[in-house]
Amino acid sequence: MTYLHFVLLYLVIINVLTFIIYGLDKLKAKRGGWRIPEATLLLLAVVGGSVGAKIAMELFHHKTLHKKFRYGIPTIIIIQLVIAGYIFYTHLVDF
């Protein structure tokens, strides 16, 4: 497995996991149960699950009124895209 394959597999797994966890938190919110801390939800986005977080937010209508999520998740996505673009551009010869 090449480095690129490993990174892509990681991103798929972390985004699916983040999507599921956001969905579970929404379900717990509806039922009044124990909640997943906001710091954990944001951390999942930072470590690569930002797209899964954004999709879950839109699909489940979860955390969309919280400014740190409404603006934070798109900001994280943009930062991650800039970093990925930089890495891709600087290592273009390697691909």
PDB file of N, CA and C in Angstrom:
ATOM      1  N   MET A   1       0.854  -1.179   0.000  1.00  0.00           N
ATOM      2  CA  MET A   1       0.000   0.000   0.000  1.00  0.00           C
ATOM      3  C   MET A   1       0.897   1.239   0.000  1.00  0.00           C
ATOM      4  N   THR A   2       0.650   2.115  -0.924  1.00  0.00           N
ATOM      5  CA  THR A   2       1.441   3.327  -0.998  1.00  0.00           C
ATOM      6  C   THR A   2       0.966   4.347   0.043  1.00  0.00           C
ATOM      7  N   TYR A   3       1.790   5.351   0.231  1.00  0.00           N
ATOM      8  CA  TYR A   3       1.471   6.426   1.170  1.00  0.00           C
ATOM      9  C   TYR A   3       0.146   7.085   0.800  1.00  0.00           C
ATOM     10  N   LEU A   4      -0.065   7.330  -0.477  1.00  0.00           N
ATOM     11  CA  LEU A   4      -1.298   7.974  -0.933  1.00  0.00           C
ATOM     12  C   LEU A   4      -2.512   7.101  -0.622  1.00  0.00           C
ATOM     13  N   HIS A   5      -2.388   5.792  -0.834  1.00  0.00           N
ATOM     14  CA  HIS A   5      -3.493   4.885  -0.523  1.00  0.00           C
ATOM     15  C   HIS A   5      -3.800   4.888   0.976  1.00  0.00           C
ATOM     16  N   PHE A   6      -2.754   4.911   1.789  1.00  0.00           N
ATOM     17  CA  PHE A   6      -2.945   4.942   3.238  1.00  0.00           C
ATOM     18  C   PHE A   6      -3.693   6.207   3.651  1.00  0.00           C
ATOM     19  N   VAL A   7      -3.293   7.349   3.103  1.00  0.00           N
ATOM     20  CA  VAL A   7      -3.934   8.625   3.442  1.00  0.00           C
ATOM     21  C   VAL A   7      -5.404   8.613   3.009  1.00  0.00           C
ATOM     22  N   LEU A   8      -5.678   8.125   1.826  1.00  0.00           N
ATOM     23  CA  LEU A   8      -7.059   8.075   1.338  1.00  0.00           C
ATOM     24  C   LEU A   8      -7.913   7.137   2.192  1.00  0.00           C
ATOM     25  N   LEU A   9      -7.364   5.981   2.560  1.00  0.00           N
ATOM     26  CA  LEU A   9      -8.090   5.045   3.424  1.00  0.00           C
ATOM     27  C   LEU A   9      -8.372   5.690   4.783  1.00  0.00           C
ATOM     28  N   TYR A  10      -7.372   6.367   5.342  1.00  0.00           N
ATOM     29  CA  TYR A  10      -7.551   7.061   6.618  1.00  0.00           C
ATOM     30  C   TYR A  10      -8.674   8.089   6.515  1.00  0.00           C
ATOM     31  N   LEU A  11      -8.665   8.882   5.441  1.00  0.00           N
ATOM     32  CA  LEU A  11      -9.676   9.927   5.286  1.00  0.00           C
ATOM     33  C   LEU A  11     -11.079   9.348   5.151  1.00  0.00           C
ATOM     34  N   VAL A  12     -11.205   8.254   4.439  1.00  0.00           N
ATOM     35  CA  VAL A  12     -12.519   7.609   4.317  1.00  0.00           C
ATOM     36  C   VAL A  12     -12.992   7.139   5.690  1.00  0.00           C
ATOM     37  N   ILE A  13     -12.116   6.451   6.415  1.00  0.00           N
ATOM     38  CA  ILE A  13     -12.484   5.903   7.720  1.00  0.00           C
ATOM     39  C   ILE A  13     -12.829   7.016   8.712  1.00  0.00           C
ATOM     40  N   ILE A  14     -12.005   8.056   8.812  1.00  0.00           N
ATOM     41  CA  ILE A  14     -12.250   9.117   9.786  1.00  0.00           C
ATOM     42  C   ILE A  14     -13.510   9.905   9.439  1.00  0.00           C
ATOM     43  N   ASN A  15     -13.798  10.087   8.163  1.00  0.00           N
ATOM     44  CA  ASN A  15     -15.010  10.813   7.781  1.00  0.00           C
ATOM     45  C   ASN A  15     -16.271   9.999   8.037  1.00  0.00           C
ATOM     46  N   VAL A  16     -16.230   8.701   7.774  1.00  0.00           N
ATOM     47  CA  VAL A  16     -17.384   7.843   8.079  1.00  0.00           C
ATOM     48  C   VAL A  16     -17.602   7.803   9.589  1.00  0.00           C
ATOM     49  N   LEU A  17     -16.527   7.638  10.344  1.00  0.00           N
ATOM     50  CA  LEU A  17     -16.618   7.611  11.801  1.00  0.00           C
ATOM     51  C   LEU A  17     -17.182   8.930  12.340  1.00  0.00           C
ATOM     52  N   THR A  18     -16.684  10.037  11.833  1.00  0.00           N
ATOM     53  CA  THR A  18     -17.162  11.357  12.271  1.00  0.00           C
ATOM     54  C   THR A  18     -18.639  11.524  11.951  1.00  0.00           C
ATOM     55  N   PHE A  19     -19.049  11.128  10.760  1.00  0.00           N
ATOM     56  CA  PHE A  19     -20.452  11.204  10.349  1.00  0.00           C
ATOM     57  C   PHE A  19     -21.332  10.414  11.327  1.00  0.00           C
ATOM     58  N   ILE A  20     -20.912   9.198  11.659  1.00  0.00           N
ATOM     59  CA  ILE A  20     -21.676   8.349  12.573  1.00  0.00           C
ATOM     60  C   ILE A  20     -21.753   8.975  13.963  1.00  0.00           C
ATOM     61  N   ILE A  21     -20.648   9.506  14.442  1.00  0.00           N
ATOM     62  CA  ILE A  21     -20.622  10.098  15.789  1.00  0.00           C
ATOM     63  C   ILE A  21     -21.495  11.348  15.856  1.00  0.00           C
ATOM     64  N   TYR A  22     -21.479  12.171  14.817  1.00  0.00           N
ATOM     65  CA  TYR A  22     -22.364  13.337  14.787  1.00  0.00           C
ATOM     66  C   TYR A  22     -23.825  12.882  14.785  1.00  0.00           C
ATOM     67  N   GLY A  23     -24.121  11.824  14.042  1.00  0.00           N
ATOM     68  CA  GLY A  23     -25.480  11.286  14.018  1.00  0.00           C
ATOM     69  C   GLY A  23     -25.904  10.756  15.376  1.00  0.00           C
ATOM     70  N   LEU A  24     -24.990  10.059  16.054  1.00  0.00           N
ATOM     71  CA  LEU A  24     -25.287   9.557  17.398  1.00  0.00           C
ATOM     72  C   LEU A  24     -25.534  10.699  18.374  1.00  0.00           C
ATOM     73  N   ASP A  25     -24.742  11.750  18.256  1.00  0.00           N
ATOM     74  CA  ASP A  25     -24.923  12.896  19.147  1.00  0.00           C
ATOM     75  C   ASP A  25     -26.282  13.552  18.909  1.00  0.00           C
ATOM     76  N   LYS A  26     -26.695  13.633  17.666  1.00  0.00           N
ATOM     77  CA  LYS A  26     -28.011  14.206  17.359  1.00  0.00           C
ATOM     78  C   LYS A  26     -29.116  13.333  17.949  1.00  0.00           C
ATOM     79  N   LEU A  27     -28.974  12.028  17.820  1.00  0.00           N
ATOM     80  CA  LEU A  27     -29.954  11.109  18.381  1.00  0.00           C
ATOM     81  C   LEU A  27     -30.031  11.252  19.898  1.00  0.00           C
ATOM     82  N   LYS A  28     -28.869  11.378  20.532  1.00  0.00           N
ATOM     83  CA  LYS A  28     -28.824  11.553  21.984  1.00  0.00           C
ATOM     84  C   LYS A  28     -29.437  12.900  22.383  1.00  0.00           C
ATOM     85  N   ALA A  29     -29.240  13.905  21.548  1.00  0.00           N
ATOM     86  CA  ALA A  29     -29.819  15.219  21.830  1.00  0.00           C
ATOM     87  C   ALA A  29     -31.344  15.145  21.801  1.00  0.00           C
ATOM     88  N   LYS A  30     -31.887  14.418  20.848  1.00  0.00           N
ATOM     89  CA  LYS A  30     -33.339  14.281  20.745  1.00  0.00           C
ATOM     90  C   LYS A  30     -33.919  13.520  21.930  1.00  0.00           C
ATOM     91  N   ARG A  31     -33.169  12.533  22.397  1.00  0.00           N
ATOM     92  CA  ARG A  31     -33.661  11.672  23.482  1.00  0.00           C
ATOM     93  C   ARG A  31     -33.255  12.173  24.871  1.00  0.00           C
ATOM     94  N   GLY A  32     -32.482  13.238  24.923  1.00  0.00           N
ATOM     95  CA  GLY A  32     -32.075  13.802  26.205  1.00  0.00           C
ATOM     96  C   GLY A  32     -31.031  12.972  26.928  1.00  0.00           C
ATOM     97  N   GLY A  33     -30.283  12.192  26.191  1.00  0.00           N
ATOM     98  CA  GLY A  33     -29.281  11.334  26.800  1.00  0.00           C
ATOM     99  C   GLY A  33     -27.921  11.987  26.935  1.00  0.00           C
ATOM    100  N   TRP A  34     -26.945  11.181  27.369  1.00  0.00           N
ATOM    101  CA  TRP A  34     -25.571  11.628  27.501  1.00  0.00           C
ATOM    102  C   TRP A  34     -25.081  12.113  26.147  1.00  0.00           C
ATOM    103  N   ARG A  35     -24.383  13.248  26.121  1.00  0.00           N
ATOM    104  CA  ARG A  35     -23.946  13.873  24.875  1.00  0.00           C
ATOM    105  C   ARG A  35     -22.455  13.725  24.681  1.00  0.00           C
ATOM    106  N   ILE A  36     -22.059  13.788  23.436  1.00  0.00           N
ATOM    107  CA  ILE A  36     -20.644  13.782  23.079  1.00  0.00           C
ATOM    108  C   ILE A  36     -20.150  15.221  23.204  1.00  0.00           C
ATOM    109  N   PRO A  37     -19.045  15.443  23.914  1.00  0.00           N
ATOM    110  CA  PRO A  37     -18.562  16.821  24.095  1.00  0.00           C
ATOM    111  C   PRO A  37     -18.277  17.517  22.761  1.00  0.00           C
ATOM    112  N   GLU A  38     -18.595  18.813  22.712  1.00  0.00           N
ATOM    113  CA  GLU A  38     -18.346  19.588  21.494  1.00  0.00           C
ATOM    114  C   GLU A  38     -16.881  19.559  21.113  1.00  0.00           C
ATOM    115  N   ALA A  39     -15.995  19.559  22.097  1.00  0.00           N
ATOM    116  CA  ALA A  39     -14.555  19.509  21.805  1.00  0.00           C
ATOM    117  C   ALA A  39     -14.199  18.235  21.041  1.00  0.00           C
ATOM    118  N   THR A  40     -14.834  17.133  21.374  1.00  0.00           N
ATOM    119  CA  THR A  40     -14.591  15.877  20.674  1.00  0.00           C
ATOM    120  C   THR A  40     -15.092  15.954  19.236  1.00  0.00           C
ATOM    121  N   LEU A  41     -16.272  16.535  19.055  1.00  0.00           N
ATOM    122  CA  LEU A  41     -16.826  16.676  17.710  1.00  0.00           C
ATOM    123  C   LEU A  41     -15.920  17.552  16.837  1.00  0.00           C
ATOM    124  N   LEU A  42     -15.432  18.637  17.402  1.00  0.00           N
ATOM    125  CA  LEU A  42     -14.536  19.518  16.644  1.00  0.00           C
ATOM    126  C   LEU A  42     -13.189  18.845  16.384  1.00  0.00           C
ATOM    127  N   LEU A  43     -12.681  18.107  17.357  1.00  0.00           N
ATOM    128  CA  LEU A  43     -11.414  17.403  17.181  1.00  0.00           C
ATOM    129  C   LEU A  43     -11.498  16.390  16.046  1.00  0.00           C
ATOM    130  N   LEU A  44     -12.609  15.688  15.945  1.00  0.00           N
ATOM    131  CA  LEU A  44     -12.791  14.732  14.853  1.00  0.00           C
ATOM    132  C   LEU A  44     -12.700  15.433  13.496  1.00  0.00           C
ATOM    133  N   ALA A  45     -13.237  16.631  13.418  1.00  0.00           N
ATOM    134  CA  ALA A  45     -13.150  17.401  12.170  1.00  0.00           C
ATOM    135  C   ALA A  45     -11.702  17.806  11.895  1.00  0.00           C
ATOM    136  N   VAL A  46     -11.000  18.245  12.918  1.00  0.00           N
ATOM    137  CA  VAL A  46      -9.615  18.709  12.757  1.00  0.00           C
ATOM    138  C   VAL A  46      -8.694  17.582  12.296  1.00  0.00           C
ATOM    139  N   VAL A  47      -8.905  16.361  12.806  1.00  0.00           N
ATOM    140  CA  VAL A  47      -8.001  15.257  12.461  1.00  0.00           C
ATOM    141  C   VAL A  47      -8.366  14.598  11.138  1.00  0.00           C
ATOM    142  N   GLY A  48      -9.259  15.220  10.376  1.00  0.00           N
ATOM    143  CA  GLY A  48      -9.531  14.735   9.030  1.00  0.00           C
ATOM    144  C   GLY A  48     -10.985  14.434   8.724  1.00  0.00           C
ATOM    145  N   GLY A  49     -11.853  14.527   9.715  1.00  0.00           N
ATOM    146  CA  GLY A  49     -13.253  14.194   9.494  1.00  0.00           C
ATOM    147  C   GLY A  49     -14.142  15.381   9.192  1.00  0.00           C
ATOM    148  N   SER A  50     -13.572  16.443   8.674  1.00  0.00           N
ATOM    149  CA  SER A  50     -14.334  17.678   8.465  1.00  0.00           C
ATOM    150  C   SER A  50     -15.449  17.525   7.434  1.00  0.00           C
ATOM    151  N   VAL A  51     -15.211  16.772   6.383  1.00  0.00           N
ATOM    152  CA  VAL A  51     -16.250  16.587   5.362  1.00  0.00           C
ATOM    153  C   VAL A  51     -17.396  15.755   5.938  1.00  0.00           C
ATOM    154  N   GLY A  52     -17.073  14.702   6.671  1.00  0.00           N
ATOM    155  CA  GLY A  52     -18.101  13.901   7.327  1.00  0.00           C
ATOM    156  C   GLY A  52     -18.900  14.728   8.317  1.00  0.00           C
ATOM    157  N   ALA A  53     -18.213  15.617   9.029  1.00  0.00           N
ATOM    158  CA  ALA A  53     -18.886  16.496   9.982  1.00  0.00           C
ATOM    159  C   ALA A  53     -19.854  17.430   9.268  1.00  0.00           C
ATOM    160  N   LYS A  54     -19.394  18.027   8.192  1.00  0.00           N
ATOM    161  CA  LYS A  54     -20.240  18.973   7.442  1.00  0.00           C
ATOM    162  C   LYS A  54     -21.460  18.276   6.850  1.00  0.00           C
ATOM    163  N   ILE A  55     -21.261  17.099   6.279  1.00  0.00           N
ATOM    164  CA  ILE A  55     -22.388  16.354   5.711  1.00  0.00           C
ATOM    165  C   ILE A  55     -23.384  15.988   6.804  1.00  0.00           C
ATOM    166  N   ALA A  56     -22.881  15.510   7.945  1.00  0.00           N
ATOM    167  CA  ALA A  56     -23.758  15.140   9.060  1.00  0.00           C
ATOM    168  C   ALA A  56     -24.508  16.357   9.590  1.00  0.00           C
ATOM    169  N   MET A  57     -23.833  17.480   9.693  1.00  0.00           N
ATOM    170  CA  MET A  57     -24.484  18.701  10.167  1.00  0.00           C
ATOM    171  C   MET A  57     -25.669  19.052   9.274  1.00  0.00           C
ATOM    172  N   GLU A  58     -25.464  18.978   7.986  1.00  0.00           N
ATOM    173  CA  GLU A  58     -26.523  19.338   7.036  1.00  0.00           C
ATOM    174  C   GLU A  58     -27.634  18.289   7.028  1.00  0.00           C
ATOM    175  N   LEU A  59     -27.266  17.027   7.000  1.00  0.00           N
ATOM    176  CA  LEU A  59     -28.253  15.953   6.907  1.00  0.00           C
ATOM    177  C   LEU A  59     -29.089  15.823   8.176  1.00  0.00           C
ATOM    178  N   PHE A  60     -28.444  15.908   9.330  1.00  0.00           N
ATOM    179  CA  PHE A  60     -29.138  15.735  10.604  1.00  0.00           C
ATOM    180  C   PHE A  60     -29.589  17.064  11.220  1.00  0.00           C
ATOM    181  N   HIS A  61     -29.268  18.191  10.576  1.00  0.00           N
ATOM    182  CA  HIS A  61     -29.558  19.526  11.117  1.00  0.00           C
ATOM    183  C   HIS A  61     -29.023  19.624  12.539  1.00  0.00           C
ATOM    184  N   HIS A  62     -27.755  19.258  12.678  1.00  0.00           N
ATOM    185  CA  HIS A  62     -27.137  19.175  14.001  1.00  0.00           C
ATOM    186  C   HIS A  62     -26.004  20.190  14.118  1.00  0.00           C
ATOM    187  N   LYS A  63     -26.033  20.978  15.157  1.00  0.00           N
ATOM    188  CA  LYS A  63     -25.019  21.988  15.469  1.00  0.00           C
ATOM    189  C   LYS A  63     -24.981  23.122  14.446  1.00  0.00           C
ATOM    190  N   THR A  64     -25.997  23.237  13.629  1.00  0.00           N
ATOM    191  CA  THR A  64     -25.986  24.262  12.580  1.00  0.00           C
ATOM    192  C   THR A  64     -26.216  25.669  13.127  1.00  0.00           C
ATOM    193  N   LEU A  65     -26.750  25.785  14.330  1.00  0.00           N
ATOM    194  CA  LEU A  65     -26.969  27.102  14.930  1.00  0.00           C
ATOM    195  C   LEU A  65     -25.803  27.554  15.798  1.00  0.00           C
ATOM    196  N   HIS A  66     -24.872  26.645  16.075  1.00  0.00           N
ATOM    197  CA  HIS A  66     -23.699  26.980  16.884  1.00  0.00           C
ATOM    198  C   HIS A  66     -22.642  27.608  15.983  1.00  0.00           C
ATOM    199  N   LYS A  67     -22.250  28.839  16.291  1.00  0.00           N
ATOM    200  CA  LYS A  67     -21.302  29.556  15.438  1.00  0.00           C
ATOM    201  C   LYS A  67     -19.982  28.813  15.274  1.00  0.00           C
ATOM    202  N   LYS A  68     -19.504  28.179  16.351  1.00  0.00           N
ATOM    203  CA  LYS A  68     -18.212  27.496  16.236  1.00  0.00           C
ATOM    204  C   LYS A  68     -18.282  26.321  15.283  1.00  0.00           C
ATOM    205  N   PHE A  69     -19.452  25.758  15.073  1.00  0.00           N
ATOM    206  CA  PHE A  69     -19.613  24.678  14.100  1.00  0.00           C
ATOM    207  C   PHE A  69     -19.993  25.241  12.726  1.00  0.00           C
ATOM    208  N   ARG A  70     -20.914  26.192  12.696  1.00  0.00           N
ATOM    209  CA  ARG A  70     -21.384  26.758  11.425  1.00  0.00           C
ATOM    210  C   ARG A  70     -20.237  27.403  10.644  1.00  0.00           C
ATOM    211  N   TYR A  71     -19.343  28.077  11.363  1.00  0.00           N
ATOM    212  CA  TYR A  71     -18.204  28.712  10.697  1.00  0.00           C
ATOM    213  C   TYR A  71     -16.916  27.909  10.850  1.00  0.00           C
ATOM    214  N   GLY A  72     -16.817  27.189  11.944  1.00  0.00           N
ATOM    215  CA  GLY A  72     -15.599  26.441  12.231  1.00  0.00           C
ATOM    216  C   GLY A  72     -15.353  25.276  11.281  1.00  0.00           C
ATOM    217  N   ILE A  73     -16.388  24.489  11.019  1.00  0.00           N
ATOM    218  CA  ILE A  73     -16.211  23.321  10.149  1.00  0.00           C
ATOM    219  C   ILE A  73     -15.834  23.743   8.725  1.00  0.00           C
ATOM    220  N   PRO A  74     -16.517  24.702   8.110  1.00  0.00           N
ATOM    221  CA  PRO A  74     -16.064  25.137   6.780  1.00  0.00           C
ATOM    222  C   PRO A  74     -14.644  25.713   6.790  1.00  0.00           C
ATOM    223  N   THR A  75     -14.288  26.417   7.869  1.00  0.00           N
ATOM    224  CA  THR A  75     -12.924  26.952   7.977  1.00  0.00           C
ATOM    225  C   THR A  75     -11.907  25.819   8.050  1.00  0.00           C
ATOM    226  N   ILE A  76     -12.224  24.787   8.819  1.00  0.00           N
ATOM    227  CA  ILE A  76     -11.338  23.627   8.912  1.00  0.00           C
ATOM    228  C   ILE A  76     -11.182  22.973   7.540  1.00  0.00           C
ATOM    229  N   ILE A  77     -12.287  22.834   6.813  1.00  0.00           N
ATOM    230  CA  ILE A  77     -12.221  22.238   5.471  1.00  0.00           C
ATOM    231  C   ILE A  77     -11.306  23.053   4.572  1.00  0.00           C
ATOM    232  N   ILE A  78     -11.454  24.365   4.597  1.00  0.00           N
ATOM    233  CA  ILE A  78     -10.618  25.223   3.740  1.00  0.00           C
ATOM    234  C   ILE A  78      -9.146  25.089   4.123  1.00  0.00           C
ATOM    235  N   ILE A  79      -8.851  25.114   5.403  1.00  0.00           N
ATOM    236  CA  ILE A  79      -7.459  24.969   5.855  1.00  0.00           C
ATOM    237  C   ILE A  79      -6.897  23.628   5.416  1.00  0.00           C
ATOM    238  N   GLN A  80      -7.682  22.561   5.560  1.00  0.00           N
ATOM    239  CA  GLN A  80      -7.223  21.237   5.150  1.00  0.00           C
ATOM    240  C   GLN A  80      -6.998  21.160   3.641  1.00  0.00           C
ATOM    241  N   LEU A  81      -7.850  21.801   2.875  1.00  0.00           N
ATOM    242  CA  LEU A  81      -7.659  21.822   1.420  1.00  0.00           C
ATOM    243  C   LEU A  81      -6.401  22.587   1.028  1.00  0.00           C
ATOM    244  N   VAL A  82      -6.144  23.693   1.710  1.00  0.00           N
ATOM    245  CA  VAL A  82      -4.931  24.464   1.439  1.00  0.00           C
ATOM    246  C   VAL A  82      -3.691  23.632   1.774  1.00  0.00           C
ATOM    247  N   ILE A  83      -3.700  22.964   2.909  1.00  0.00           N
ATOM    248  CA  ILE A  83      -2.569  22.110   3.294  1.00  0.00           C
ATOM    249  C   ILE A  83      -2.391  20.974   2.299  1.00  0.00           C
ATOM    250  N   ALA A  84      -3.501  20.320   1.927  1.00  0.00           N
ATOM    251  CA  ALA A  84      -3.424  19.222   0.954  1.00  0.00           C
ATOM    252  C   ALA A  84      -2.909  19.723  -0.391  1.00  0.00           C
ATOM    253  N   GLY A  85      -3.375  20.888  -0.808  1.00  0.00           N
ATOM    254  CA  GLY A  85      -2.900  21.467  -2.069  1.00  0.00           C
ATOM    255  C   GLY A  85      -1.418  21.779  -2.019  1.00  0.00           C
ATOM    256  N   TYR A  86      -0.970  22.314  -0.905  1.00  0.00           N
ATOM    257  CA  TYR A  86       0.454  22.617  -0.744  1.00  0.00           C
ATOM    258  C   TYR A  86       1.287  21.342  -0.802  1.00  0.00           C
ATOM    259  N   ILE A  87       0.853  20.325  -0.066  1.00  0.00           N
ATOM    260  CA  ILE A  87       1.590  19.053  -0.058  1.00  0.00           C
ATOM    261  C   ILE A  87       1.600  18.445  -1.458  1.00  0.00           C
ATOM    262  N   PHE A  88       0.459  18.443  -2.111  1.00  0.00           N
ATOM    263  CA  PHE A  88       0.382  17.893  -3.466  1.00  0.00           C
ATOM    264  C   PHE A  88       1.284  18.676  -4.416  1.00  0.00           C
ATOM    265  N   TYR A  89       1.224  20.000  -4.337  1.00  0.00           N
ATOM    266  CA  TYR A  89       2.005  20.843  -5.224  1.00  0.00           C
ATOM    267  C   TYR A  89       3.500  20.667  -4.999  1.00  0.00           C
ATOM    268  N   THR A  90       3.929  20.611  -3.748  1.00  0.00           N
ATOM    269  CA  THR A  90       5.358  20.501  -3.453  1.00  0.00           C
ATOM    270  C   THR A  90       5.897  19.101  -3.725  1.00  0.00           C
ATOM    271  N   HIS A  91       5.032  18.107  -3.771  1.00  0.00           N
ATOM    272  CA  HIS A  91       5.451  16.740  -4.037  1.00  0.00           C
ATOM    273  C   HIS A  91       4.922  16.226  -5.378  1.00  0.00           C
ATOM    274  N   LEU A  92       4.563  17.144  -6.242  1.00  0.00           N
ATOM    275  CA  LEU A  92       3.985  16.779  -7.534  1.00  0.00           C
ATOM    276  C   LEU A  92       4.890  15.841  -8.319  1.00  0.00           C
ATOM    277  N   VAL A  93       6.186  16.018  -8.216  1.00  0.00           N
ATOM    278  CA  VAL A  93       7.139  15.187  -8.930  1.00  0.00           C
ATOM    279  C   VAL A  93       7.070  13.746  -8.425  1.00  0.00           C
ATOM    280  N   ASP A  94       6.775  13.555  -7.128  1.00  0.00           N
ATOM    281  CA  ASP A  94       6.733  12.226  -6.544  1.00  0.00           C
ATOM    282  C   ASP A  94       5.537  11.407  -7.043  1.00  0.00           C
ATOM    283  N   PHE A  95       4.467  12.085  -7.475  1.00  0.00           N
ATOM    284  CA  PHE A  95       3.288  11.366  -7.930  1.00  0.00           C
ATOM    285  C   PHE A  95       3.499  11.036  -9.369  1.00  0.00           C
TER     286      PHE A  95
END
